[in-house]
Every structure is written in structure tokens, then in C-alpha cells.
Amino acid sequence: MPQGLEGHRSRLRERFANSGLDGFHDHEVLELLLAFAIPRRDVKPIARALLNEFNSLAAVLDAAAVDLRRVAGVGPQAAALIGLMPQLLVRYQKDRWRPTRVINSTPEAVGYLTSELGQARNESFCLLMLGSSNAVIALERIQEGTVNRTAVFPRLVVEAALKHRATAVILAHNHPSGDPQPSEADRQITRKLSGILKALDIAVHDHIIIAGANSYSFAEHGEMP
């Protein structure tokens, strides 16, 4: 390996060891990753080519192996390593929050829900059901697709809450777009479901929107009925 290349990689590794990925450009993140699969070649051109092809780091990580391998320099090992990253993150988040069986704060709820919804590509509405002392009973996916106000949708929410004998719930859905800001439809369904569940003596603590690494809490913004 050329001495200059090894020096560049050593500096990247040292920066990561000292500060994590703070201050890294997207192509440098890919360089750091690709170096493990392509140890004896300058991977900077490959990293830049991947970003040019897929337009963002997230799109590179989400790309299928067959599409990644169309980029010059990306072989089966590099494609497999790139494809492993988002799946590893999902597994990490689920494992990290598995011991958390009591939800006492918005950050805890966001962390728990992000592990389930943060990487989802389709919009889903979920119900996080809690028992005494806010212990987690279950997280149930109620509906796939855009949240709406159909007659069936509230019935499914009520059925899930009663089935699990929840004393409180947190409403949750994801925005695959990455923008966590609620729509007017989100606000309307929050008011409607809160009214129905409260009439059954089931408290509604929050409605949380997960948008990748971003989130929006109705409770934190004073929007819970």
C-alpha cells in the first residue's frame, strides 16, 4: 500500500477514535467503511462515485447489492459490508432498548419507538401500550399507509388497547420523508383517538412522530388534548 494512502487512512481512523463521526464529510464516512473491505486500494474515488450515483449517504446504505456493484470498484465484499450497516443499526436499536420496559419520559419513548420505526420505508401507525407505572405491555402496528380518519382505524386502536388491557397508550407513526412535522390530519386523528380512549379510561400520554433520527412529540409541544 502506498505510504501516503496509509497515512490518510490512519488520520481518518484517528479522527474517528477521538471524535466519532463528528466533522466527517459523507465521502469520508464511506472511505472509512470501504477501507475494511478494500484494504489495498484508494477508496476515495469509489466513495465519491457512490455518492454521485445515489445522491446521499442514506441512499448508498439503502441501495441493493446489485446496484452498488454497478459502481466501479465495488465488489461483493464492499457491497455486503455497506448493506450490513442499516440492518446492524436496526438490530442495535432493538437490542439497546429491549431492557427498557418502563417509559418515564419523552426521550425514552422516542428511543423505544425509533428502534421500531426509524428505518421503516412505509408509513405505519403504531400503538405503544402501557400498564401500571408505565411498564411496556406491547407495541402493535395498527395500520400501514397514510394515517387517515376512516371508521375502521379508531376501532382497530380501541381493540388493540382493550386486548392488551392497557391503562395508558402512546400513539406513534413514522414519516419516511425525514420531516417529523405533523400534518393537520395527524392533529385531527390525535384529538379523535384521545377522546375515544379517554372515554374508556385509557390515558393517552403522547403522539410521537418518528422521522429517521428526528422526532416530534405532541406532548412536548403542548398539543395533547
Foldseek 3Di string as FASTA:
>chain_A
DDPVQVVVLVVLVVCCVVPNCVPPDLLSVLQNQCCVVVVPDRCSVVSVQLCVVQVDSVSSLVDQLVVSVVRPPDDPSSSVSSPVVVVVVLVVLCVVLVVPFADDDPVNVLSNVCSVAQPDQWKWKWKFFAAPNRGTQDIGTQDTHDDADDPVRLVSVVVVCVVSVGQEIEIEIEDQVQDADDDVRRLVVQQVSQVVVVVVNYHYQWYKYHHNPDIDTCVVVVSHD
